[in-house]
Amino acid sequence: GGYAWDGSGQEFNVHPLCMVLGLVFLY
């Protein structure tokens, strides 16, 4: 369902994207 910042499942989706981008690719 994409991304949001409202406490829904879409906010959870931000988590895996940020962790792969930050602590894997950029790291």
mmCIF file of all heavy atoms, coordinates in Angstrom:
data_MODEL
# 
_entry.id   MODEL 
# 
loop_
_atom_site.group_PDB 
_atom_site.id 
_atom_site.type_symbol 
_atom_site.label_atom_id 
_atom_site.label_alt_id 
_atom_site.label_comp_id 
_atom_site.label_asym_id 
_atom_site.label_entity_id 
_atom_site.label_seq_id 
_atom_site.pdbx_PDB_ins_code 
_atom_site.Cartn_x 
_atom_site.Cartn_y 
_atom_site.Cartn_z 
_atom_site.occupancy 
_atom_site.B_iso_or_equiv 
_atom_site.pdbx_formal_charge 
_atom_site.auth_seq_id 
_atom_site.auth_comp_id 
_atom_site.auth_asym_id 
_atom_site.auth_atom_id 
_atom_site.pdbx_PDB_model_num 
ATOM 1   N N   . GLY A 1 1  ? 0.755  -1.248 0.000  1.00 0.00 ? 1  GLY A N   1 
ATOM 2   C CA  . GLY A 1 1  ? 0.000  0.000  0.000  1.00 0.00 ? 1  GLY A CA  1 
ATOM 3   C C   . GLY A 1 1  ? 0.781  1.291  0.000  1.00 0.00 ? 1  GLY A C   1 
ATOM 4   O O   . GLY A 1 1  ? 0.207  2.363  0.145  1.00 0.00 ? 1  GLY A O   1 
ATOM 5   N N   . GLY A 1 2  ? 2.126  1.233  -0.107 1.00 0.00 ? 2  GLY A N   1 
ATOM 6   C CA  . GLY A 1 2  ? 2.885  2.471  -0.199 1.00 0.00 ? 2  GLY A CA  1 
ATOM 7   C C   . GLY A 1 2  ? 3.326  2.994  1.163  1.00 0.00 ? 2  GLY A C   1 
ATOM 8   O O   . GLY A 1 2  ? 3.495  2.236  2.130  1.00 0.00 ? 2  GLY A O   1 
ATOM 9   N N   . TYR A 1 3  ? 3.473  4.308  1.265  1.00 0.00 ? 3  TYR A N   1 
ATOM 10  C CA  . TYR A 1 3  ? 4.113  4.923  2.426  1.00 0.00 ? 3  TYR A CA  1 
ATOM 11  C C   . TYR A 1 3  ? 3.276  6.067  2.985  1.00 0.00 ? 3  TYR A C   1 
ATOM 12  O O   . TYR A 1 3  ? 2.623  6.796  2.241  1.00 0.00 ? 3  TYR A O   1 
ATOM 13  C CB  . TYR A 1 3  ? 5.508  5.428  2.044  1.00 0.00 ? 3  TYR A CB  1 
ATOM 14  C CG  . TYR A 1 3  ? 6.364  4.348  1.444  1.00 0.00 ? 3  TYR A CG  1 
ATOM 15  C CD1 . TYR A 1 3  ? 6.362  4.112  0.056  1.00 0.00 ? 3  TYR A CD1 1 
ATOM 16  C CD2 . TYR A 1 3  ? 7.136  3.533  2.249  1.00 0.00 ? 3  TYR A CD2 1 
ATOM 17  C CE1 . TYR A 1 3  ? 7.120  3.105  -0.490 1.00 0.00 ? 3  TYR A CE1 1 
ATOM 18  C CE2 . TYR A 1 3  ? 7.908  2.507  1.711  1.00 0.00 ? 3  TYR A CE2 1 
ATOM 19  C CZ  . TYR A 1 3  ? 7.900  2.304  0.332  1.00 0.00 ? 3  TYR A CZ  1 
ATOM 20  O OH  . TYR A 1 3  ? 8.645  1.282  -0.206 1.00 0.00 ? 3  TYR A OH  1 
ATOM 21  N N   . ALA A 1 4  ? 3.306  6.191  4.300  1.00 0.00 ? 4  ALA A N   1 
ATOM 22  C CA  . ALA A 1 4  ? 2.606  7.287  4.983  1.00 0.00 ? 4  ALA A CA  1 
ATOM 23  C C   . ALA A 1 4  ? 3.242  7.456  6.353  1.00 0.00 ? 4  ALA A C   1 
ATOM 24  O O   . ALA A 1 4  ? 4.165  6.725  6.731  1.00 0.00 ? 4  ALA A O   1 
ATOM 25  C CB  . ALA A 1 4  ? 1.118  6.997  5.113  1.00 0.00 ? 4  ALA A CB  1 
ATOM 26  N N   . TRP A 1 5  ? 2.755  8.458  7.103  1.00 0.00 ? 5  TRP A N   1 
ATOM 27  C CA  . TRP A 1 5  ? 3.232  8.663  8.479  1.00 0.00 ? 5  TRP A CA  1 
ATOM 28  C C   . TRP A 1 5  ? 2.010  8.932  9.352  1.00 0.00 ? 5  TRP A C   1 
ATOM 29  O O   . TRP A 1 5  ? 1.828  10.011 9.864  1.00 0.00 ? 5  TRP A O   1 
ATOM 30  C CB  . TRP A 1 5  ? 4.229  9.810  8.555  1.00 0.00 ? 5  TRP A CB  1 
ATOM 31  C CG  . TRP A 1 5  ? 5.065  9.763  9.809  1.00 0.00 ? 5  TRP A CG  1 
ATOM 32  C CD1 . TRP A 1 5  ? 4.754  10.314 11.014 1.00 0.00 ? 5  TRP A CD1 1 
ATOM 33  C CD2 . TRP A 1 5  ? 6.334  9.129  9.967  1.00 0.00 ? 5  TRP A CD2 1 
ATOM 34  N NE1 . TRP A 1 5  ? 5.747  10.048 11.923 1.00 0.00 ? 5  TRP A NE1 1 
ATOM 35  C CE2 . TRP A 1 5  ? 6.746  9.326  11.315 1.00 0.00 ? 5  TRP A CE2 1 
ATOM 36  C CE3 . TRP A 1 5  ? 7.165  8.403  9.108  1.00 0.00 ? 5  TRP A CE3 1 
ATOM 37  C CZ2 . TRP A 1 5  ? 7.944  8.826  11.813 1.00 0.00 ? 5  TRP A CZ2 1 
ATOM 38  C CZ3 . TRP A 1 5  ? 8.363  7.905  9.617  1.00 0.00 ? 5  TRP A CZ3 1 
ATOM 39  C CH2 . TRP A 1 5  ? 8.740  8.121  10.950 1.00 0.00 ? 5  TRP A CH2 1 
ATOM 40  N N   . ASP A 1 6  ? 1.178  7.891  9.495  1.00 0.00 ? 6  ASP A N   1 
ATOM 41  C CA  . ASP A 1 6  ? -0.100 8.062  10.178 1.00 0.00 ? 6  ASP A CA  1 
ATOM 42  C C   . ASP A 1 6  ? -0.412 6.909  11.129 1.00 0.00 ? 6  ASP A C   1 
ATOM 43  O O   . ASP A 1 6  ? -1.558 6.747  11.564 1.00 0.00 ? 6  ASP A O   1 
ATOM 44  C CB  . ASP A 1 6  ? -1.216 8.190  9.147  1.00 0.00 ? 6  ASP A CB  1 
ATOM 45  C CG  . ASP A 1 6  ? -1.277 7.024  8.164  1.00 0.00 ? 6  ASP A CG  1 
ATOM 46  O OD1 . ASP A 1 6  ? -0.496 6.055  8.342  1.00 0.00 ? 6  ASP A OD1 1 
ATOM 47  O OD2 . ASP A 1 6  ? -2.092 7.082  7.219  1.00 0.00 ? 6  ASP A OD2 1 
ATOM 48  N N   . GLY A 1 7  ? 0.587  6.096  11.465 1.00 0.00 ? 7  GLY A N   1 
ATOM 49  C CA  . GLY A 1 7  ? 0.362  4.977  12.359 1.00 0.00 ? 7  GLY A CA  1 
ATOM 50  C C   . GLY A 1 7  ? -0.189 3.738  11.689 1.00 0.00 ? 7  GLY A C   1 
ATOM 51  O O   . GLY A 1 7  ? -0.368 2.722  12.359 1.00 0.00 ? 7  GLY A O   1 
ATOM 52  N N   . SER A 1 8  ? -0.441 3.806  10.391 1.00 0.00 ? 8  SER A N   1 
ATOM 53  C CA  . SER A 1 8  ? -0.989 2.661  9.669  1.00 0.00 ? 8  SER A CA  1 
ATOM 54  C C   . SER A 1 8  ? 0.126  1.746  9.182  1.00 0.00 ? 8  SER A C   1 
ATOM 55  O O   . SER A 1 8  ? 1.313  1.985  9.426  1.00 0.00 ? 8  SER A O   1 
ATOM 56  C CB  . SER A 1 8  ? -1.802 3.154  8.467  1.00 0.00 ? 8  SER A CB  1 
ATOM 57  O OG  . SER A 1 8  ? -0.950 3.772  7.514  1.00 0.00 ? 8  SER A OG  1 
ATOM 58  N N   . GLY A 1 9  ? -0.282 0.691  8.464  1.00 0.00 ? 9  GLY A N   1 
ATOM 59  C CA  . GLY A 1 9  ? 0.701  -0.206 7.887  1.00 0.00 ? 9  GLY A CA  1 
ATOM 60  C C   . GLY A 1 9  ? 1.619  0.489  6.906  1.00 0.00 ? 9  GLY A C   1 
ATOM 61  O O   . GLY A 1 9  ? 2.764  0.062  6.704  1.00 0.00 ? 9  GLY A O   1 
ATOM 62  N N   . GLN A 1 10 ? 1.117  1.582  6.294  1.00 0.00 ? 10 GLN A N   1 
ATOM 63  C CA  . GLN A 1 10 ? 1.959  2.338  5.371  1.00 0.00 ? 10 GLN A CA  1 
ATOM 64  C C   . GLN A 1 10 ? 3.129  3.017  6.102  1.00 0.00 ? 10 GLN A C   1 
ATOM 65  O O   . GLN A 1 10 ? 4.191  3.209  5.521  1.00 0.00 ? 10 GLN A O   1 
ATOM 66  C CB  . GLN A 1 10 ? 1.133  3.388  4.633  1.00 0.00 ? 10 GLN A CB  1 
ATOM 67  C CG  . GLN A 1 10 ? 0.238  2.840  3.525  1.00 0.00 ? 10 GLN A CG  1 
ATOM 68  C CD  . GLN A 1 10 ? -0.945 2.049  4.071  1.00 0.00 ? 10 GLN A CD  1 
ATOM 69  O OE1 . GLN A 1 10 ? -1.513 2.431  5.100  1.00 0.00 ? 10 GLN A OE1 1 
ATOM 70  N NE2 . GLN A 1 10 ? -1.294 0.969  3.403  1.00 0.00 ? 10 GLN A NE2 1 
ATOM 71  N N   . GLU A 1 11 ? 2.935  3.351  7.376  1.00 0.00 ? 11 GLU A N   1 
ATOM 72  C CA  . GLU A 1 11 ? 4.061  3.903  8.125  1.00 0.00 ? 11 GLU A CA  1 
ATOM 73  C C   . GLU A 1 11 ? 5.092  2.824  8.429  1.00 0.00 ? 11 GLU A C   1 
ATOM 74  O O   . GLU A 1 11 ? 6.298  3.081  8.387  1.00 0.00 ? 11 GLU A O   1 
ATOM 75  C CB  . GLU A 1 11 ? 3.588  4.546  9.433  1.00 0.00 ? 11 GLU A CB  1 
ATOM 76  C CG  . GLU A 1 11 ? 4.723  5.178  10.224 1.00 0.00 ? 11 GLU A CG  1 
ATOM 77  C CD  . GLU A 1 11 ? 4.272  5.957  11.441 1.00 0.00 ? 11 GLU A CD  1 
ATOM 78  O OE1 . GLU A 1 11 ? 3.041  6.106  11.638 1.00 0.00 ? 11 GLU A OE1 1 
ATOM 79  O OE2 . GLU A 1 11 ? 5.138  6.411  12.199 1.00 0.00 ? 11 GLU A OE2 1 
ATOM 80  N N   . PHE A 1 12 ? 4.623  1.612  8.713  1.00 0.00 ? 12 PHE A N   1 
ATOM 81  C CA  . PHE A 1 12 ? 5.576  0.520  8.917  1.00 0.00 ? 12 PHE A CA  1 
ATOM 82  C C   . PHE A 1 12 ? 6.449  0.327  7.686  1.00 0.00 ? 12 PHE A C   1 
ATOM 83  O O   . PHE A 1 12 ? 7.648  0.004  7.809  1.00 0.00 ? 12 PHE A O   1 
ATOM 84  C CB  . PHE A 1 12 ? 4.841  -0.789 9.223  1.00 0.00 ? 12 PHE A CB  1 
ATOM 85  C CG  . PHE A 1 12 ? 5.768  -1.977 9.261  1.00 0.00 ? 12 PHE A CG  1 
ATOM 86  C CD1 . PHE A 1 12 ? 6.436  -2.315 10.429 1.00 0.00 ? 12 PHE A CD1 1 
ATOM 87  C CD2 . PHE A 1 12 ? 5.991  -2.752 8.121  1.00 0.00 ? 12 PHE A CD2 1 
ATOM 88  C CE1 . PHE A 1 12 ? 7.299  -3.393 10.463 1.00 0.00 ? 12 PHE A CE1 1 
ATOM 89  C CE2 . PHE A 1 12 ? 6.860  -3.829 8.147  1.00 0.00 ? 12 PHE A CE2 1 
ATOM 90  C CZ  . PHE A 1 12 ? 7.516  -4.151 9.323  1.00 0.00 ? 12 PHE A CZ  1 
ATOM 91  N N   . ASN A 1 13 ? 5.892  0.533  6.501  1.00 0.00 ? 13 ASN A N   1 
ATOM 92  C CA  . ASN A 1 13 ? 6.643  0.313  5.269  1.00 0.00 ? 13 ASN A CA  1 
ATOM 93  C C   . ASN A 1 13 ? 7.868  1.217  5.158  1.00 0.00 ? 13 ASN A C   1 
ATOM 94  O O   . ASN A 1 13 ? 8.813  0.904  4.417  1.00 0.00 ? 13 ASN A O   1 
ATOM 95  C CB  . ASN A 1 13 ? 5.737  0.539  4.052  1.00 0.00 ? 13 ASN A CB  1 
ATOM 96  C CG  . ASN A 1 13 ? 4.620  -0.479 3.964  1.00 0.00 ? 13 ASN A CG  1 
ATOM 97  O OD1 . ASN A 1 13 ? 4.670  -1.535 4.595  1.00 0.00 ? 13 ASN A OD1 1 
ATOM 98  N ND2 . ASN A 1 13 ? 3.592  -0.171 3.192  1.00 0.00 ? 13 ASN A ND2 1 
ATOM 99  N N   . VAL A 1 14 ? 7.842  2.328  5.885  1.00 0.00 ? 14 VAL A N   1 
ATOM 100 C CA  . VAL A 1 14 ? 9.008  3.217  5.885  1.00 0.00 ? 14 VAL A CA  1 
ATOM 101 C C   . VAL A 1 14 ? 10.208 2.515  6.522  1.00 0.00 ? 14 VAL A C   1 
ATOM 102 O O   . VAL A 1 14 ? 11.362 2.758  6.142  1.00 0.00 ? 14 VAL A O   1 
ATOM 103 C CB  . VAL A 1 14 ? 8.681  4.528  6.641  1.00 0.00 ? 14 VAL A CB  1 
ATOM 104 C CG1 . VAL A 1 14 ? 9.914  5.410  6.768  1.00 0.00 ? 14 VAL A CG1 1 
ATOM 105 C CG2 . VAL A 1 14 ? 7.549  5.278  5.936  1.00 0.00 ? 14 VAL A CG2 1 
ATOM 106 N N   . HIS A 1 15 ? 9.940  1.645  7.475  1.00 0.00 ? 15 HIS A N   1 
ATOM 107 C CA  . HIS A 1 15 ? 11.012 0.996  8.246  1.00 0.00 ? 15 HIS A CA  1 
ATOM 108 C C   . HIS A 1 15 ? 11.947 0.159  7.372  1.00 0.00 ? 15 HIS A C   1 
ATOM 109 O O   . HIS A 1 15 ? 13.167 0.406  7.368  1.00 0.00 ? 15 HIS A O   1 
ATOM 110 C CB  . HIS A 1 15 ? 10.395 0.156  9.367  1.00 0.00 ? 15 HIS A CB  1 
ATOM 111 C CG  . HIS A 1 15 ? 11.378 -0.709 10.083 1.00 0.00 ? 15 HIS A CG  1 
ATOM 112 N ND1 . HIS A 1 15 ? 12.354 -0.207 10.915 1.00 0.00 ? 15 HIS A ND1 1 
ATOM 113 C CD2 . HIS A 1 15 ? 11.543 -2.068 10.075 1.00 0.00 ? 15 HIS A CD2 1 
ATOM 114 C CE1 . HIS A 1 15 ? 13.073 -1.205 11.404 1.00 0.00 ? 15 HIS A CE1 1 
ATOM 115 N NE2 . HIS A 1 15 ? 12.601 -2.335 10.906 1.00 0.00 ? 15 HIS A NE2 1 
ATOM 116 N N   . PRO A 1 16 ? 11.447 -0.841 6.640  1.00 0.00 ? 16 PRO A N   1 
ATOM 117 C CA  . PRO A 1 16 ? 12.395 -1.647 5.851  1.00 0.00 ? 16 PRO A CA  1 
ATOM 118 C C   . PRO A 1 16 ? 13.117 -0.839 4.779  1.00 0.00 ? 16 PRO A C   1 
ATOM 119 O O   . PRO A 1 16 ? 14.307 -1.077 4.527  1.00 0.00 ? 16 PRO A O   1 
ATOM 120 C CB  . PRO A 1 16 ? 11.513 -2.742 5.225  1.00 0.00 ? 16 PRO A CB  1 
ATOM 121 C CG  . PRO A 1 16 ? 10.123 -2.249 5.341  1.00 0.00 ? 16 PRO A CG  1 
ATOM 122 C CD  . PRO A 1 16 ? 10.069 -1.363 6.536  1.00 0.00 ? 16 PRO A CD  1 
ATOM 123 N N   . LEU A 1 17 ? 12.436 0.114  4.167  1.00 0.00 ? 17 LEU A N   1 
ATOM 124 C CA  . LEU A 1 17 ? 13.096 0.917  3.136  1.00 0.00 ? 17 LEU A CA  1 
ATOM 125 C C   . LEU A 1 17 ? 14.243 1.729  3.717  1.00 0.00 ? 17 LEU A C   1 
ATOM 126 O O   . LEU A 1 17 ? 15.350 1.778  3.146  1.00 0.00 ? 17 LEU A O   1 
ATOM 127 C CB  . LEU A 1 17 ? 12.074 1.833  2.460  1.00 0.00 ? 17 LEU A CB  1 
ATOM 128 C CG  . LEU A 1 17 ? 12.629 2.718  1.336  1.00 0.00 ? 17 LEU A CG  1 
ATOM 129 C CD1 . LEU A 1 17 ? 13.208 1.871  0.209  1.00 0.00 ? 17 LEU A CD1 1 
ATOM 130 C CD2 . LEU A 1 17 ? 11.537 3.642  0.802  1.00 0.00 ? 17 LEU A CD2 1 
ATOM 131 N N   . CYS A 1 18 ? 14.011 2.355  4.856  1.00 0.00 ? 18 CYS A N   1 
ATOM 132 C CA  . CYS A 1 18 ? 15.057 3.169  5.482  1.00 0.00 ? 18 CYS A CA  1 
ATOM 133 C C   . CYS A 1 18 ? 16.220 2.320  5.967  1.00 0.00 ? 18 CYS A C   1 
ATOM 134 O O   . CYS A 1 18 ? 17.390 2.725  5.847  1.00 0.00 ? 18 CYS A O   1 
ATOM 135 C CB  . CYS A 1 18 ? 14.473 3.967  6.644  1.00 0.00 ? 18 CYS A CB  1 
ATOM 136 S SG  . CYS A 1 18 ? 13.481 5.389  6.156  1.00 0.00 ? 18 CYS A SG  1 
ATOM 137 N N   . MET A 1 19 ? 15.929 1.159  6.510  1.00 0.00 ? 19 MET A N   1 
ATOM 138 C CA  . MET A 1 19 ? 17.013 0.341  7.051  1.00 0.00 ? 19 MET A CA  1 
ATOM 139 C C   . MET A 1 19 ? 17.888 -0.224 5.937  1.00 0.00 ? 19 MET A C   1 
ATOM 140 O O   . MET A 1 19 ? 19.120 -0.274 6.068  1.00 0.00 ? 19 MET A O   1 
ATOM 141 C CB  . MET A 1 19 ? 16.455 -0.793 7.914  1.00 0.00 ? 19 MET A CB  1 
ATOM 142 C CG  . MET A 1 19 ? 15.564 -0.317 9.070  1.00 0.00 ? 19 MET A CG  1 
ATOM 143 S SD  . MET A 1 19 ? 16.135 1.153  9.934  1.00 0.00 ? 19 MET A SD  1 
ATOM 144 C CE  . MET A 1 19 ? 17.449 0.504  10.928 1.00 0.00 ? 19 MET A CE  1 
ATOM 145 N N   . VAL A 1 20 ? 17.279 -0.644 4.829  1.00 0.00 ? 20 VAL A N   1 
ATOM 146 C CA  . VAL A 1 20 ? 18.078 -1.140 3.701  1.00 0.00 ? 20 VAL A CA  1 
ATOM 147 C C   . VAL A 1 20 ? 18.881 -0.007 3.074  1.00 0.00 ? 20 VAL A C   1 
ATOM 148 O O   . VAL A 1 20 ? 20.060 -0.167 2.737  1.00 0.00 ? 20 VAL A O   1 
ATOM 149 C CB  . VAL A 1 20 ? 17.178 -1.830 2.657  1.00 0.00 ? 20 VAL A CB  1 
ATOM 150 C CG1 . VAL A 1 20 ? 17.965 -2.141 1.384  1.00 0.00 ? 20 VAL A CG1 1 
ATOM 151 C CG2 . VAL A 1 20 ? 16.583 -3.109 3.231  1.00 0.00 ? 20 VAL A CG2 1 
ATOM 152 N N   . LEU A 1 21 ? 18.258 1.156  2.930  1.00 0.00 ? 21 LEU A N   1 
ATOM 153 C CA  . LEU A 1 21 ? 18.965 2.303  2.360  1.00 0.00 ? 21 LEU A CA  1 
ATOM 154 C C   . LEU A 1 21 ? 20.082 2.788  3.277  1.00 0.00 ? 21 LEU A C   1 
ATOM 155 O O   . LEU A 1 21 ? 21.205 3.044  2.817  1.00 0.00 ? 21 LEU A O   1 
ATOM 156 C CB  . LEU A 1 21 ? 17.975 3.445  2.110  1.00 0.00 ? 21 LEU A CB  1 
ATOM 157 C CG  . LEU A 1 21 ? 18.570 4.774  1.615  1.00 0.00 ? 21 LEU A CG  1 
ATOM 158 C CD1 . LEU A 1 21 ? 19.325 4.579  0.301  1.00 0.00 ? 21 LEU A CD1 1 
ATOM 159 C CD2 . LEU A 1 21 ? 17.464 5.812  1.457  1.00 0.00 ? 21 LEU A CD2 1 
ATOM 160 N N   . GLY A 1 22 ? 19.804 2.878  4.586  1.00 0.00 ? 22 GLY A N   1 
ATOM 161 C CA  . GLY A 1 22 ? 20.779 3.447  5.508  1.00 0.00 ? 22 GLY A CA  1 
ATOM 162 C C   . GLY A 1 22 ? 21.829 2.468  5.973  1.00 0.00 ? 22 GLY A C   1 
ATOM 163 O O   . GLY A 1 22 ? 23.028 2.655  5.719  1.00 0.00 ? 22 GLY A O   1 
ATOM 164 N N   . LEU A 1 23 ? 21.396 1.403  6.648  1.00 0.00 ? 23 LEU A N   1 
ATOM 165 C CA  . LEU A 1 23 ? 22.352 0.505  7.302  1.00 0.00 ? 23 LEU A CA  1 
ATOM 166 C C   . LEU A 1 23 ? 22.882 -0.606 6.407  1.00 0.00 ? 23 LEU A C   1 
ATOM 167 O O   . LEU A 1 23 ? 23.637 -1.464 6.871  1.00 0.00 ? 23 LEU A O   1 
ATOM 168 C CB  . LEU A 1 23 ? 21.728 -0.101 8.556  1.00 0.00 ? 23 LEU A CB  1 
ATOM 169 C CG  . LEU A 1 23 ? 21.665 0.826  9.773  1.00 0.00 ? 23 LEU A CG  1 
ATOM 170 C CD1 . LEU A 1 23 ? 21.172 0.093  11.001 1.00 0.00 ? 23 LEU A CD1 1 
ATOM 171 C CD2 . LEU A 1 23 ? 23.022 1.460  10.063 1.00 0.00 ? 23 LEU A CD2 1 
ATOM 172 N N   . VAL A 1 24 ? 22.475 -0.607 5.130  1.00 0.00 ? 24 VAL A N   1 
ATOM 173 C CA  . VAL A 1 24 ? 23.067 -1.554 4.184  1.00 0.00 ? 24 VAL A CA  1 
ATOM 174 C C   . VAL A 1 24 ? 23.755 -0.801 3.046  1.00 0.00 ? 24 VAL A C   1 
ATOM 175 O O   . VAL A 1 24 ? 24.985 -0.814 2.928  1.00 0.00 ? 24 VAL A O   1 
ATOM 176 C CB  . VAL A 1 24 ? 22.002 -2.536 3.627  1.00 0.00 ? 24 VAL A CB  1 
ATOM 177 C CG1 . VAL A 1 24 ? 22.632 -3.433 2.558  1.00 0.00 ? 24 VAL A CG1 1 
ATOM 178 C CG2 . VAL A 1 24 ? 21.433 -3.394 4.741  1.00 0.00 ? 24 VAL A CG2 1 
ATOM 179 N N   . PHE A 1 25 ? 22.976 -0.100 2.215  1.00 0.00 ? 25 PHE A N   1 
ATOM 180 C CA  . PHE A 1 25 ? 23.567 0.506  1.018  1.00 0.00 ? 25 PHE A CA  1 
ATOM 181 C C   . PHE A 1 25 ? 24.529 1.645  1.350  1.00 0.00 ? 25 PHE A C   1 
ATOM 182 O O   . PHE A 1 25 ? 25.693 1.630  0.943  1.00 0.00 ? 25 PHE A O   1 
ATOM 183 C CB  . PHE A 1 25 ? 22.449 0.991  0.089  1.00 0.00 ? 25 PHE A CB  1 
ATOM 184 C CG  . PHE A 1 25 ? 22.958 1.620  -1.183 1.00 0.00 ? 25 PHE A CG  1 
ATOM 185 C CD1 . PHE A 1 25 ? 23.832 0.929  -2.003 1.00 0.00 ? 25 PHE A CD1 1 
ATOM 186 C CD2 . PHE A 1 25 ? 22.560 2.885  -1.559 1.00 0.00 ? 25 PHE A CD2 1 
ATOM 187 C CE1 . PHE A 1 25 ? 24.307 1.497  -3.170 1.00 0.00 ? 25 PHE A CE1 1 
ATOM 188 C CE2 . PHE A 1 25 ? 23.024 3.461  -2.727 1.00 0.00 ? 25 PHE A CE2 1 
ATOM 189 C CZ  . PHE A 1 25 ? 23.911 2.765  -3.536 1.00 0.00 ? 25 PHE A CZ  1 
ATOM 190 N N   . LEU A 1 26 ? 24.064 2.650  2.096  1.00 0.00 ? 26 LEU A N   1 
ATOM 191 C CA  . LEU A 1 26 ? 24.941 3.773  2.422  1.00 0.00 ? 26 LEU A CA  1 
ATOM 192 C C   . LEU A 1 26 ? 26.089 3.346  3.337  1.00 0.00 ? 26 LEU A C   1 
ATOM 193 O O   . LEU A 1 26 ? 27.215 3.835  3.207  1.00 0.00 ? 26 LEU A O   1 
ATOM 194 C CB  . LEU A 1 26 ? 24.140 4.897  3.073  1.00 0.00 ? 26 LEU A CB  1 
ATOM 195 C CG  . LEU A 1 26 ? 23.215 5.683  2.151  1.00 0.00 ? 26 LEU A CG  1 
ATOM 196 C CD1 . LEU A 1 26 ? 22.436 6.737  2.931  1.00 0.00 ? 26 LEU A CD1 1 
ATOM 197 C CD2 . LEU A 1 26 ? 23.988 6.344  1.017  1.00 0.00 ? 26 LEU A CD2 1 
ATOM 198 N N   . TYR A 1 27 ? 25.808 2.443  4.249  1.00 0.00 ? 27 TYR A N   1 
ATOM 199 C CA  . TYR A 1 27 ? 26.860 1.943  5.129  1.00 0.00 ? 27 TYR A CA  1 
ATOM 200 C C   . TYR A 1 27 ? 27.926 1.210  4.315  1.00 0.00 ? 27 TYR A C   1 
ATOM 201 O O   . TYR A 1 27 ? 29.132 1.392  4.528  1.00 0.00 ? 27 TYR A O   1 
ATOM 202 C CB  . TYR A 1 27 ? 26.240 1.031  6.185  1.00 0.00 ? 27 TYR A CB  1 
ATOM 203 C CG  . TYR A 1 27 ? 27.198 0.538  7.237  1.00 0.00 ? 27 TYR A CG  1 
ATOM 204 C CD1 . TYR A 1 27 ? 28.333 1.256  7.577  1.00 0.00 ? 27 TYR A CD1 1 
ATOM 205 C CD2 . TYR A 1 27 ? 26.954 -0.658 7.907  1.00 0.00 ? 27 TYR A CD2 1 
ATOM 206 C CE1 . TYR A 1 27 ? 29.207 0.802  8.556  1.00 0.00 ? 27 TYR A CE1 1 
ATOM 207 C CE2 . TYR A 1 27 ? 27.824 -1.125 8.885  1.00 0.00 ? 27 TYR A CE2 1 
ATOM 208 C CZ  . TYR A 1 27 ? 28.949 -0.388 9.201  1.00 0.00 ? 27 TYR A CZ  1 
ATOM 209 O OH  . TYR A 1 27 ? 29.815 -0.835 10.167 1.00 0.00 ? 27 TYR A OH  1 
# 
